[in-house]
PDB file of N, CA and C in Angstrom:
ATOM      1  N   UNK A   1     -76.582  68.216   5.968  1.00  0.00           N
ATOM      2  CA  UNK A   1     -77.119  69.369   6.661  1.00  0.00           C
ATOM      3  C   UNK A   1     -77.230  70.521   5.667  1.00  0.00           C
ATOM      4  N   UNK A   2     -78.354  71.209   5.738  1.00  0.00           N
ATOM      5  CA  UNK A   2     -78.503  72.430   4.946  1.00  0.00           C
ATOM      6  C   UNK A   2     -78.489  73.618   5.900  1.00  0.00           C
ATOM      7  N   UNK A   3     -78.015  74.742   5.394  1.00  0.00           N
ATOM      8  CA  UNK A   3     -77.918  75.960   6.201  1.00  0.00           C
ATOM      9  C   UNK A   3     -78.790  77.025   5.543  1.00  0.00           C
ATOM     10  N   UNK A   4     -79.696  77.580   6.345  1.00  0.00           N
ATOM     11  CA  UNK A   4     -80.552  78.652   5.865  1.00  0.00           C
ATOM     12  C   UNK A   4     -80.366  79.874   6.757  1.00  0.00           C
ATOM     13  N   UNK A   5     -80.899  80.998   6.314  1.00  0.00           N
ATOM     14  CA  UNK A   5     -80.868  82.225   7.113  1.00  0.00           C
ATOM     15  C   UNK A   5     -82.289  82.749   7.231  1.00  0.00           C
ATOM     16  N   UNK A   6     -82.568  83.410   8.370  1.00  0.00           N
ATOM     17  CA  UNK A   6     -83.923  83.915   8.597  1.00  0.00           C
ATOM     18  C   UNK A   6     -83.878  85.068   9.582  1.00  0.00           C
ATOM     19  N   UNK A   7     -84.667  86.083   9.318  1.00  0.00           N
ATOM     20  CA  UNK A   7     -84.784  87.209  10.262  1.00  0.00           C
ATOM     21  C   UNK A   7     -85.482  86.736  11.520  1.00  0.00           C
ATOM     22  N   UNK A   8     -85.030  87.232  12.639  1.00  0.00           N
ATOM     23  CA  UNK A   8     -85.609  86.849  13.919  1.00  0.00           C
ATOM     24  C   UNK A   8     -87.044  87.366  14.060  1.00  0.00           C
ATOM     25  N   UNK A   9     -87.397  88.364  13.274  1.00  0.00           N
ATOM     26  CA  UNK A   9     -88.738  88.941  13.343  1.00  0.00           C
ATOM     27  C   UNK A   9     -89.770  88.134  12.556  1.00  0.00           C
ATOM     28  N   UNK A  10     -89.311  87.125  11.816  1.00  0.00           N
ATOM     29  CA  UNK A  10     -90.223  86.209  11.137  1.00  0.00           C
ATOM     30  C   UNK A  10     -90.552  85.072  12.099  1.00  0.00           C
ATOM     31  N   UNK A  11     -91.773  84.573  12.078  1.00  0.00           N
ATOM     32  CA  UNK A  11     -92.122  83.485  12.999  1.00  0.00           C
ATOM     33  C   UNK A  11     -91.293  82.229  12.736  1.00  0.00           C
ATOM     34  N   UNK A  12     -90.968  81.536  13.809  1.00  0.00           N
ATOM     35  CA  UNK A  12     -90.260  80.266  13.683  1.00  0.00           C
ATOM     36  C   UNK A  12     -91.173  79.248  13.003  1.00  0.00           C
ATOM     37  N   UNK A  13     -90.568  78.332  12.276  1.00  0.00           N
ATOM     38  CA  UNK A  13     -91.320  77.283  11.588  1.00  0.00           C
ATOM     39  C   UNK A  13     -90.633  75.946  11.838  1.00  0.00           C
ATOM     40  N   UNK A  14     -91.371  74.885  11.738  1.00  0.00           N
ATOM     41  CA  UNK A  14     -90.797  73.549  11.919  1.00  0.00           C
ATOM     42  C   UNK A  14     -89.672  73.285  10.926  1.00  0.00           C
ATOM     43  N   UNK A  15     -89.773  73.875   9.740  1.00  0.00           N
ATOM     44  CA  UNK A  15     -88.754  73.668   8.705  1.00  0.00           C
ATOM     45  C   UNK A  15     -87.439  74.369   9.028  1.00  0.00           C
ATOM     46  N   UNK A  16     -87.425  75.243  10.054  1.00  0.00           N
ATOM     47  CA  UNK A  16     -86.195  75.929  10.436  1.00  0.00           C
ATOM     48  C   UNK A  16     -85.160  74.980  11.023  1.00  0.00           C
ATOM     49  N   UNK A  17     -85.596  73.877  11.568  1.00  0.00           N
ATOM     50  CA  UNK A  17     -84.660  72.959  12.214  1.00  0.00           C
ATOM     51  C   UNK A  17     -84.071  73.607  13.457  1.00  0.00           C
ATOM     52  N   UNK A  18     -82.762  73.571  13.571  1.00  0.00           N
ATOM     53  CA  UNK A  18     -82.056  74.151  14.720  1.00  0.00           C
ATOM     54  C   UNK A  18     -81.799  75.625  14.434  1.00  0.00           C
ATOM     55  N   UNK A  19     -82.342  76.491  15.288  1.00  0.00           N
ATOM     56  CA  UNK A  19     -82.214  77.945  15.117  1.00  0.00           C
ATOM     57  C   UNK A  19     -81.148  78.486  16.066  1.00  0.00           C
ATOM     58  N   UNK A  20     -80.158  79.204  15.500  1.00  0.00           N
ATOM     59  CA  UNK A  20     -79.082  79.797  16.290  1.00  0.00           C
ATOM     60  C   UNK A  20     -78.973  81.279  15.933  1.00  0.00           C
ATOM     61  N   UNK A  21     -79.035  82.132  16.951  1.00  0.00           N
ATOM     62  CA  UNK A  21     -78.876  83.573  16.752  1.00  0.00           C
ATOM     63  C   UNK A  21     -77.396  83.879  16.546  1.00  0.00           C
ATOM     64  N   UNK A  22     -77.082  84.623  15.485  1.00  0.00           N
ATOM     65  CA  UNK A  22     -75.683  84.932  15.158  1.00  0.00           C
ATOM     66  C   UNK A  22     -75.415  86.433  15.159  1.00  0.00           C
ATOM     67  N   UNK A  23     -76.134  87.165  15.993  1.00  0.00           N
ATOM     68  CA  UNK A  23     -75.912  88.595  16.191  1.00  0.00           C
ATOM     69  C   UNK A  23     -75.109  88.806  17.469  1.00  0.00           C
ATOM     70  N   UNK A  24     -74.301  89.837  17.489  1.00  0.00           N
ATOM     71  CA  UNK A  24     -73.540  90.168  18.697  1.00  0.00           C
ATOM     72  C   UNK A  24     -74.428  90.852  19.738  1.00  0.00           C
ATOM     73  N   UNK A  25     -75.453  91.575  19.268  1.00  0.00           N
ATOM     74  CA  UNK A  25     -76.353  92.325  20.135  1.00  0.00           C
ATOM     75  C   UNK A  25     -77.742  91.686  20.059  1.00  0.00           C
ATOM     76  N   UNK A  26     -78.418  91.556  21.207  1.00  0.00           N
ATOM     77  CA  UNK A  26     -79.756  90.972  21.210  1.00  0.00           C
ATOM     78  C   UNK A  26     -80.708  91.871  20.416  1.00  0.00           C
ATOM     79  N   UNK A  27     -81.537  91.292  19.553  1.00  0.00           N
ATOM     80  CA  UNK A  27     -82.466  92.073  18.732  1.00  0.00           C
ATOM     81  C   UNK A  27     -83.523  92.805  19.566  1.00  0.00           C
ATOM     82  N   UNK A  28     -83.785  94.035  19.196  1.00  0.00           N
ATOM     83  CA  UNK A  28     -84.774  94.848  19.904  1.00  0.00           C
ATOM     84  C   UNK A  28     -86.172  94.265  19.750  1.00  0.00           C
ATOM     85  N   UNK A  29     -86.902  94.318  20.843  1.00  0.00           N
ATOM     86  CA  UNK A  29     -88.309  93.962  20.809  1.00  0.00           C
ATOM     87  C   UNK A  29     -88.609  92.482  20.718  1.00  0.00           C
ATOM     88  N   UNK A  30     -87.616  91.633  20.903  1.00  0.00           N
ATOM     89  CA  UNK A  30     -87.828  90.192  20.800  1.00  0.00           C
ATOM     90  C   UNK A  30     -87.507  89.559  22.151  1.00  0.00           C
ATOM     91  N   UNK A  31     -88.468  88.841  22.702  1.00  0.00           N
ATOM     92  CA  UNK A  31     -88.216  88.141  23.964  1.00  0.00           C
ATOM     93  C   UNK A  31     -87.454  86.854  23.665  1.00  0.00           C
ATOM     94  N   UNK A  32     -86.793  86.341  24.664  1.00  0.00           N
ATOM     95  CA  UNK A  32     -86.042  85.096  24.470  1.00  0.00           C
ATOM     96  C   UNK A  32     -86.980  83.939  24.133  1.00  0.00           C
ATOM     97  N   UNK A  33     -88.178  83.948  24.695  1.00  0.00           N
ATOM     98  CA  UNK A  33     -89.149  82.898  24.356  1.00  0.00           C
ATOM     99  C   UNK A  33     -89.594  83.010  22.905  1.00  0.00           C
ATOM    100  N   UNK A  34     -89.874  84.220  22.467  1.00  0.00           N
ATOM    101  CA  UNK A  34     -90.335  84.431  21.093  1.00  0.00           C
ATOM    102  C   UNK A  34     -89.243  84.120  20.066  1.00  0.00           C
ATOM    103  N   UNK A  35     -87.983  84.267  20.450  1.00  0.00           N
ATOM    104  CA  UNK A  35     -86.869  84.014  19.523  1.00  0.00           C
ATOM    105  C   UNK A  35     -86.809  82.553  19.106  1.00  0.00           C
ATOM    106  N   UNK A  36     -87.209  81.669  20.007  1.00  0.00           N
ATOM    107  CA  UNK A  36     -87.240  80.226  19.728  1.00  0.00           C
ATOM    108  C   UNK A  36     -85.902  79.732  19.145  1.00  0.00           C
ATOM    109  N   UNK A  37     -84.820  80.058  19.851  1.00  0.00           N
ATOM    110  CA  UNK A  37     -83.492  79.651  19.409  1.00  0.00           C
ATOM    111  C   UNK A  37     -82.924  78.595  20.355  1.00  0.00           C
ATOM    112  N   UNK A  38     -82.012  77.809  19.828  1.00  0.00           N
ATOM    113  CA  UNK A  38     -81.314  76.804  20.619  1.00  0.00           C
ATOM    114  C   UNK A  38     -80.109  77.434  21.313  1.00  0.00           C
ATOM    115  N   UNK A  39     -79.483  78.401  20.634  1.00  0.00           N
ATOM    116  CA  UNK A  39     -78.282  79.034  21.185  1.00  0.00           C
ATOM    117  C   UNK A  39     -78.123  80.436  20.603  1.00  0.00           C
ATOM    118  N   UNK A  40     -77.346  81.233  21.331  1.00  0.00           N
ATOM    119  CA  UNK A  40     -76.975  82.578  20.874  1.00  0.00           C
ATOM    120  C   UNK A  40     -75.453  82.586  20.797  1.00  0.00           C
ATOM    121  N   UNK A  41     -74.927  82.531  19.587  1.00  0.00           N
ATOM    122  CA  UNK A  41     -73.482  82.473  19.365  1.00  0.00           C
ATOM    123  C   UNK A  41     -72.964  83.873  19.022  1.00  0.00           C
ATOM    124  N   UNK A  42     -72.789  84.688  20.044  1.00  0.00           N
ATOM    125  CA  UNK A  42     -72.323  86.071  19.869  1.00  0.00           C
ATOM    126  C   UNK A  42     -70.937  86.130  19.249  1.00  0.00           C
ATOM    127  N   UNK A  43     -70.080  85.193  19.655  1.00  0.00           N
ATOM    128  CA  UNK A  43     -68.679  85.263  19.245  1.00  0.00           C
ATOM    129  C   UNK A  43     -68.456  84.963  17.766  1.00  0.00           C
ATOM    130  N   UNK A  44     -69.436  84.391  17.110  1.00  0.00           N
ATOM    131  CA  UNK A  44     -69.296  84.122  15.680  1.00  0.00           C
ATOM    132  C   UNK A  44     -69.762  85.327  14.852  1.00  0.00           C
ATOM    133  N   UNK A  45     -70.370  86.299  15.500  1.00  0.00           N
ATOM    134  CA  UNK A  45     -70.817  87.522  14.818  1.00  0.00           C
ATOM    135  C   UNK A  45     -69.612  88.410  14.498  1.00  0.00           C
ATOM    136  N   UNK A  46     -69.766  89.319  13.541  1.00  0.00           N
ATOM    137  CA  UNK A  46     -68.663  90.239  13.241  1.00  0.00           C
ATOM    138  C   UNK A  46     -68.319  91.089  14.463  1.00  0.00           C
ATOM    139  N   UNK A  47     -67.073  91.498  14.541  1.00  0.00           N
ATOM    140  CA  UNK A  47     -66.650  92.365  15.640  1.00  0.00           C
ATOM    141  C   UNK A  47     -67.451  93.665  15.587  1.00  0.00           C
ATOM    142  N   UNK A  48     -67.542  94.324  16.714  1.00  0.00           N
ATOM    143  CA  UNK A  48     -68.252  95.602  16.781  1.00  0.00           C
ATOM    144  C   UNK A  48     -67.642  96.598  15.805  1.00  0.00           C
ATOM    145  N   UNK A  49     -66.319  96.626  15.741  1.00  0.00           N
ATOM    146  CA  UNK A  49     -65.635  97.546  14.832  1.00  0.00           C
ATOM    147  C   UNK A  49     -66.023  97.276  13.379  1.00  0.00           C
ATOM    148  N   UNK A  50     -66.032  96.015  12.984  1.00  0.00           N
ATOM    149  CA  UNK A  50     -66.385  95.673  11.604  1.00  0.00           C
ATOM    150  C   UNK A  50     -67.858  95.974  11.336  1.00  0.00           C
ATOM    151  N   UNK A  51     -68.708  95.642  12.270  1.00  0.00           N
ATOM    152  CA  UNK A  51     -70.149  95.891  12.114  1.00  0.00           C
ATOM    153  C   UNK A  51     -70.426  97.388  11.946  1.00  0.00           C
ATOM    154  N   UNK A  52     -69.768  98.207  12.759  1.00  0.00           N
ATOM    155  CA  UNK A  52     -69.966  99.655  12.668  1.00  0.00           C
ATOM    156  C   UNK A  52     -69.398 100.217  11.366  1.00  0.00           C
ATOM    157  N   UNK A  53     -68.263  99.690  10.926  1.00  0.00           N
ATOM    158  CA  UNK A  53     -67.681 100.140   9.663  1.00  0.00           C
ATOM    159  C   UNK A  53     -68.622  99.807   8.500  1.00  0.00           C
ATOM    160  N   UNK A  54     -69.157  98.600   8.484  1.00  0.00           N
ATOM    161  CA  UNK A  54     -70.039  98.158   7.400  1.00  0.00           C
ATOM    162  C   UNK A  54     -71.328  98.966   7.366  1.00  0.00           C
ATOM    163  N   UNK A  55     -71.957  99.132   8.500  1.00  0.00           N
ATOM    164  CA  UNK A  55     -73.191  99.929   8.631  1.00  0.00           C
ATOM    165  C   UNK A  55     -74.251  99.527   7.597  1.00  0.00           C
ATOM    166  N   UNK A  56     -74.248  98.278   7.204  1.00  0.00           N
ATOM    167  CA  UNK A  56     -75.215  97.722   6.238  1.00  0.00           C
ATOM    168  C   UNK A  56     -75.254  98.506   4.928  1.00  0.00           C
ATOM    169  N   UNK A  57     -74.086  98.971   4.495  1.00  0.00           N
ATOM    170  CA  UNK A  57     -73.945  99.683   3.223  1.00  0.00           C
ATOM    171  C   UNK A  57     -73.635  98.653   2.134  1.00  0.00           C
ATOM    172  N   UNK A  58     -74.578  98.384   1.227  1.00  0.00           N
ATOM    173  CA  UNK A  58     -74.348  97.370   0.191  1.00  0.00           C
ATOM    174  C   UNK A  58     -73.085  97.619  -0.640  1.00  0.00           C
ATOM    175  N   UNK A  59     -72.664  98.869  -0.774  1.00  0.00           N
ATOM    176  CA  UNK A  59     -71.449  99.167  -1.533  1.00  0.00           C
ATOM    177  C   UNK A  59     -70.206  98.582  -0.854  1.00  0.00           C
ATOM    178  N   UNK A  60     -70.276  98.386   0.458  1.00  0.00           N
ATOM    179  CA  UNK A  60     -69.146  97.832   1.213  1.00  0.00           C
ATOM    180  C   UNK A  60     -69.220  96.314   1.340  1.00  0.00           C
ATOM    181  N   UNK A  61     -70.235  95.697   0.769  1.00  0.00           N
ATOM    182  CA  UNK A  61     -70.479  94.267   0.959  1.00  0.00           C
ATOM    183  C   UNK A  61     -69.268  93.382   0.621  1.00  0.00           C
ATOM    184  N   UNK A  62     -68.662  93.502  -0.561  1.00  0.00           N
ATOM    185  CA  UNK A  62     -67.536  92.608  -0.862  1.00  0.00           C
ATOM    186  C   UNK A  62     -66.397  92.721   0.168  1.00  0.00           C
ATOM    187  N   UNK A  63     -66.077  93.941   0.563  1.00  0.00           N
ATOM    188  CA  UNK A  63     -65.012  94.135   1.552  1.00  0.00           C
ATOM    189  C   UNK A  63     -65.443  93.631   2.924  1.00  0.00           C
ATOM    190  N   UNK A  64     -66.708  93.829   3.279  1.00  0.00           N
ATOM    191  CA  UNK A  64     -67.220  93.312   4.549  1.00  0.00           C
ATOM    192  C   UNK A  64     -67.078  91.796   4.600  1.00  0.00           C
ATOM    193  N   UNK A  65     -67.483  91.131   3.542  1.00  0.00           N
ATOM    194  CA  UNK A  65     -67.396  89.665   3.500  1.00  0.00           C
ATOM    195  C   UNK A  65     -65.949  89.218   3.664  1.00  0.00           C
ATOM    196  N   UNK A  66     -65.029  89.844   2.957  1.00  0.00           N
ATOM    197  CA  UNK A  66     -63.618  89.471   3.064  1.00  0.00           C
ATOM    198  C   UNK A  66     -63.093  89.671   4.485  1.00  0.00           C
ATOM    199  N   UNK A  67     -63.429  90.799   5.086  1.00  0.00           N
ATOM    200  CA  UNK A  67     -62.966  91.071   6.451  1.00  0.00           C
ATOM    201  C   UNK A  67     -63.622  90.126   7.468  1.00  0.00           C
ATOM    202  N   UNK A  68     -64.899  89.887   7.293  1.00  0.00           N
ATOM    203  CA  UNK A  68     -65.612  88.996   8.219  1.00  0.00           C
ATOM    204  C   UNK A  68     -65.085  87.572   8.113  1.00  0.00           C
ATOM    205  N   UNK A  69     -64.859  87.093   6.913  1.00  0.00           N
ATOM    206  CA  UNK A  69     -64.302  85.748   6.740  1.00  0.00           C
ATOM    207  C   UNK A  69     -62.911  85.653   7.373  1.00  0.00           C
ATOM    208  N   UNK A  70     -62.133  86.722   7.286  1.00  0.00           N
ATOM    209  CA  UNK A  70     -60.816  86.743   7.939  1.00  0.00           C
ATOM    210  C   UNK A  70     -60.981  86.660   9.460  1.00  0.00           C
ATOM    211  N   UNK A  71     -61.977  87.360  10.005  1.00  0.00           N
ATOM    212  CA  UNK A  71     -62.239  87.259  11.445  1.00  0.00           C
ATOM    213  C   UNK A  71     -62.631  85.830  11.823  1.00  0.00           C
ATOM    214  N   UNK A  72     -63.449  85.195  11.000  1.00  0.00           N
ATOM    215  CA  UNK A  72     -63.856  83.814  11.283  1.00  0.00           C
ATOM    216  C   UNK A  72     -62.651  82.869  11.227  1.00  0.00           C
ATOM    217  N   UNK A  73     -61.776  83.077  10.255  1.00  0.00           N
ATOM    218  CA  UNK A  73     -60.556  82.265  10.163  1.00  0.00           C
ATOM    219  C   UNK A  73     -59.703  82.416  11.423  1.00  0.00           C
ATOM    220  N   UNK A  74     -59.700  83.618  11.987  1.00  0.00           N
ATOM    221  CA  UNK A  74     -58.887  83.901  13.174  1.00  0.00           C
ATOM    222  C   UNK A  74     -59.540  83.398  14.467  1.00  0.00           C
ATOM    223  N   UNK A  75     -60.803  83.001  14.404  1.00  0.00           N
ATOM    224  CA  UNK A  75     -61.532  82.541  15.596  1.00  0.00           C
ATOM    225  C   UNK A  75     -62.225  81.202  15.338  1.00  0.00           C
ATOM    226  N   UNK A  76     -61.450  80.159  15.069  1.00  0.00           N
ATOM    227  CA  UNK A  76     -62.064  78.863  14.770  1.00  0.00           C
ATOM    228  C   UNK A  76     -62.875  78.300  15.940  1.00  0.00           C
ATOM    229  N   UNK A  77     -62.551  78.719  17.169  1.00  0.00           N
ATOM    230  CA  UNK A  77     -63.317  78.251  18.325  1.00  0.00           C
ATOM    231  C   UNK A  77     -64.752  78.758  18.276  1.00  0.00           C
ATOM    232  N   UNK A  78     -64.968  79.972  17.800  1.00  0.00           N
ATOM    233  CA  UNK A  78     -66.325  80.519  17.682  1.00  0.00           C
ATOM    234  C   UNK A  78     -67.116  79.751  16.623  1.00  0.00           C
ATOM    235  N   UNK A  79     -66.449  79.427  15.517  1.00  0.00           N
ATOM    236  CA  UNK A  79     -67.101  78.646  14.460  1.00  0.00           C
ATOM    237  C   UNK A  79     -67.420  77.247  14.982  1.00  0.00           C
ATOM    238  N   UNK A  80     -66.495  76.671  15.724  1.00  0.00           N
ATOM    239  CA  UNK A  80     -66.725  75.337  16.293  1.00  0.00           C
ATOM    240  C   UNK A  80     -67.895  75.345  17.273  1.00  0.00           C
ATOM    241  N   UNK A  81     -68.018  76.418  18.058  1.00  0.00           N
ATOM    242  CA  UNK A  81     -69.154  76.524  18.993  1.00  0.00           C
ATOM    243  C   UNK A  81     -70.471  76.522  18.230  1.00  0.00           C
ATOM    244  N   UNK A  82     -70.527  77.284  17.150  1.00  0.00           N
ATOM    245  CA  UNK A  82     -71.728  77.305  16.319  1.00  0.00           C
ATOM    246  C   UNK A  82     -72.022  75.918  15.758  1.00  0.00           C
ATOM    247  N   UNK A  83     -71.013  75.296  15.182  1.00  0.00           N
ATOM    248  CA  UNK A  83     -71.201  73.994  14.542  1.00  0.00           C
ATOM    249  C   UNK A  83     -71.546  72.892  15.540  1.00  0.00           C
ATOM    250  N   UNK A  84     -71.226  73.097  16.807  1.00  0.00           N
ATOM    251  CA  UNK A  84     -71.600  72.119  17.839  1.00  0.00           C
ATOM    252  C   UNK A  84     -73.117  72.024  17.973  1.00  0.00           C
ATOM    253  N   UNK A  85     -73.827  73.066  17.566  1.00  0.00           N
ATOM    254  CA  UNK A  85     -75.293  73.067  17.634  1.00  0.00           C
ATOM    255  C   UNK A  85     -75.926  72.555  16.346  1.00  0.00           C
ATOM    256  N   UNK A  86     -75.126  72.383  15.306  1.00  0.00           N
ATOM    257  CA  UNK A  86     -75.651  71.993  14.000  1.00  0.00           C
ATOM    258  C   UNK A  86     -76.051  70.519  13.995  1.00  0.00           C
ATOM    259  N   UNK A  87     -77.185  70.232  13.399  1.00  0.00           N
ATOM    260  CA  UNK A  87     -77.602  68.832  13.308  1.00  0.00           C
ATOM    261  C   UNK A  87     -76.772  68.085  12.258  1.00  0.00           C
ATOM    262  N   UNK A  88     -76.592  66.789  12.468  1.00  0.00           N
ATOM    263  CA  UNK A  88     -75.870  65.981  11.468  1.00  0.00           C
ATOM    264  C   UNK A  88     -76.679  65.937  10.169  1.00  0.00           C
ATOM    265  N   UNK A  89     -77.993  65.824  10.323  1.00  0.00           N
ATOM    266  CA  UNK A  89     -78.904  65.865   9.181  1.00  0.00           C
ATOM    267  C   UNK A  89     -79.990  66.867   9.516  1.00  0.00           C
ATOM    268  N   UNK A  90     -80.564  67.465   8.508  1.00  0.00           N
ATOM    269  CA  UNK A  90     -81.608  68.447   8.748  1.00  0.00           C
ATOM    270  C   UNK A  90     -81.107  69.845   8.448  1.00  0.00           C
ATOM    271  N   UNK A  91     -81.703  70.812   9.121  1.00  0.00           N
ATOM    272  CA  UNK A  91     -81.450  72.213   8.795  1.00  0.00           C
ATOM    273  C   UNK A  91     -80.896  72.976   9.990  1.00  0.00           C
ATOM    274  N   UNK A  92     -79.887  73.790   9.713  1.00  0.00           N
ATOM    275  CA  UNK A  92     -79.375  74.771  10.664  1.00  0.00           C
ATOM    276  C   UNK A  92     -79.805  76.123  10.125  1.00  0.00           C
ATOM    277  N   UNK A  93     -80.562  76.874  10.936  1.00  0.00           N
ATOM    278  CA  UNK A  93     -81.003  78.200  10.523  1.00  0.00           C
ATOM    279  C   UNK A  93     -80.236  79.251  11.310  1.00  0.00           C
ATOM    280  N   UNK A  94     -79.521  80.101  10.582  1.00  0.00           N
ATOM    281  CA  UNK A  94     -78.786  81.210  11.173  1.00  0.00           C
ATOM    282  C   UNK A  94     -79.752  82.379  11.285  1.00  0.00           C
ATOM    283  N   UNK A  95     -80.052  82.780  12.506  1.00  0.00           N
ATOM    284  CA  UNK A  95     -81.043  83.813  12.760  1.00  0.00           C
ATOM    285  C   UNK A  95     -80.327  85.145  12.987  1.00  0.00           C
ATOM    286  N   UNK A  96     -80.855  86.212  12.370  1.00  0.00           N
ATOM    287  CA  UNK A  96     -80.246  87.537  12.439  1.00  0.00           C
ATOM    288  C   UNK A  96     -81.348  88.586  12.545  1.00  0.00           C
ATOM    289  N   UNK A  97     -80.959  89.834  12.809  1.00  0.00           N
ATOM    290  CA  UNK A  97     -81.970  90.881  12.954  1.00  0.00           C
ATOM    291  C   UNK A  97     -81.905  91.985  11.900  1.00  0.00           C
ATOM    292  N   UNK A  98     -80.903  92.016  11.067  1.00  0.00           N
ATOM    293  CA  UNK A  98     -80.743  93.092  10.078  1.00  0.00           C
ATOM    294  C   UNK A  98     -81.954  93.172   9.148  1.00  0.00           C
ATOM    295  N   UNK A  99     -82.248  94.382   8.682  1.00  0.00           N
ATOM    296  CA  UNK A  99     -83.367  94.582   7.757  1.00  0.00           C
ATOM    297  C   UNK A  99     -83.032  94.081   6.353  1.00  0.00           C
ATOM    298  N   UNK A 100     -81.782  94.264   5.946  1.00  0.00           N
ATOM    299  CA  UNK A 100     -81.343  93.861   4.610  1.00  0.00           C
ATOM    300  C   UNK A 100     -81.172  92.342   4.576  1.00  0.00           C
ATOM    301  N   UNK A 101     -81.994  91.683   3.791  1.00  0.00           N
ATOM    302  CA  UNK A 101     -81.984  90.222   3.762  1.00  0.00           C
ATOM    303  C   UNK A 101     -80.895  89.642   2.866  1.00  0.00           C
ATOM    304  N   UNK A 102     -80.216  90.481   2.098  1.00  0.00           N
ATOM    305  CA  UNK A 102     -79.170  90.001   1.199  1.00  0.00           C
ATOM    306  C   UNK A 102     -77.768  90.351   1.664  1.00  0.00           C
ATOM    307  N   UNK A 103     -77.637  91.436   2.438  1.00  0.00           N
ATOM    308  CA  UNK A 103     -76.323  91.928   2.859  1.00  0.00           C
ATOM    309  C   UNK A 103     -76.266  91.964   4.383  1.00  0.00           C
ATOM    310  N   UNK A 104     -76.055  90.809   4.988  1.00  0.00           N
ATOM    311  CA  UNK A 104     -75.963  90.736   6.444  1.00  0.00           C
ATOM    312  C   UNK A 104     -75.014  89.619   6.835  1.00  0.00           C
ATOM    313  N   UNK A 105     -74.637  89.598   8.117  1.00  0.00           N
ATOM    314  CA  UNK A 105     -73.632  88.639   8.565  1.00  0.00           C
ATOM    315  C   UNK A 105     -74.092  87.195   8.445  1.00  0.00           C
ATOM    316  N   UNK A 106     -75.385  86.925   8.563  1.00  0.00           N
ATOM    317  CA  UNK A 106     -75.861  85.546   8.453  1.00  0.00           C
ATOM    318  C   UNK A 106     -75.636  85.000   7.044  1.00  0.00           C
ATOM    319  N   UNK A 107     -75.868  85.835   6.042  1.00  0.00           N
ATOM    320  CA  UNK A 107     -75.619  85.430   4.655  1.00  0.00           C
ATOM    321  C   UNK A 107     -74.124  85.161   4.452  1.00  0.00           C
ATOM    322  N   UNK A 108     -73.293  86.073   4.941  1.00  0.00           N
ATOM    323  CA  UNK A 108     -71.840  85.903   4.805  1.00  0.00           C
ATOM    324  C   UNK A 108     -71.365  84.680   5.581  1.00  0.00           C
ATOM    325  N   UNK A 109     -71.941  84.439   6.738  1.00  0.00           N
ATOM    326  CA  UNK A 109     -71.569  83.275   7.550  1.00  0.00           C
ATOM    327  C   UNK A 109     -71.999  81.982   6.869  1.00  0.00           C
ATOM    328  N   UNK A 110     -73.198  81.950   6.312  1.00  0.00           N
ATOM    329  CA  UNK A 110     -73.656  80.754   5.591  1.00  0.00           C
ATOM    330  C   UNK A 110     -72.705  80.439   4.445  1.00  0.00           C
ATOM    331  N   UNK A 111     -72.302  81.473   3.694  1.00  0.00           N
ATOM    332  CA  UNK A 111     -71.371  81.267   2.584  1.00  0.00           C
ATOM    333  C   UNK A 111     -70.033  80.743   3.071  1.00  0.00           C
ATOM    334  N   UNK A 112     -69.566  81.278   4.203  1.00  0.00           N
ATOM    335  CA  UNK A 112     -68.321  80.820   4.801  1.00  0.00           C
ATOM    336  C   UNK A 112     -68.426  79.347   5.178  1.00  0.00           C
ATOM    337  N   UNK A 113     -69.495  78.979   5.853  1.00  0.00           N
ATOM    338  CA  UNK A 113     -69.678  77.593   6.284  1.00  0.00           C
ATOM    339  C   UNK A 113     -69.820  76.656   5.099  1.00  0.00           C
ATOM    340  N   UNK A 114     -70.557  77.077   4.070  1.00  0.00           N
ATOM    341  CA  UNK A 114     -70.700  76.269   2.865  1.00  0.00           C
ATOM    342  C   UNK A 114     -69.340  76.054   2.206  1.00  0.00           C
ATOM    343  N   UNK A 115     -68.549  77.100   2.122  1.00  0.00           N
ATOM    344  CA  UNK A 115     -67.231  77.019   1.475  1.00  0.00           C
ATOM    345  C   UNK A 115     -66.276  76.113   2.265  1.00  0.00           C
ATOM    346  N   UNK A 116     -66.322  76.207   3.586  1.00  0.00           N
ATOM    347  CA  UNK A 116     -65.402  75.429   4.412  1.00  0.00           C
ATOM    348  C   UNK A 116     -65.858  73.995   4.656  1.00  0.00           C
ATOM    349  N   UNK A 117     -67.081  73.694   4.268  1.00  0.00           N
ATOM    350  CA  UNK A 117     -67.572  72.318   4.406  1.00  0.00           C
ATOM    351  C   UNK A 117     -67.152  71.465   3.226  1.00  0.00           C
ATOM    352  N   UNK A 118     -66.723  72.121   2.156  1.00  0.00           N
ATOM    353  CA  UNK A 118     -66.338  71.383   0.949  1.00  0.00           C
ATOM    354  C   UNK A 118     -65.021  70.685   1.104  1.00  0.00           C
TER     355      UNK A 118
END
């Protein structure tokens, strides 16, 4: 299985495989039909407190990743819920709404999943 990340505002593609929304809040301006997701795993998203602290500030990225990974470690049931939607083979696409394509929870989550799959 490969894990990719994609903004929800980009059109879905066949290469996306299984699409799962990993935001705590539903993205503005996107209908559920247009999202073309299999599941919305709110509980795997960063806590509201952590999300507000981070505020998508790239300078806080290393600390955000460390704190978010600690939250994921503390909530293995949320990670398991996400992985229940993952295909055995093919692609799992973590869908997010942040504007910053390099510093967002989907990127940090993909890295977490890659690290814990080893």
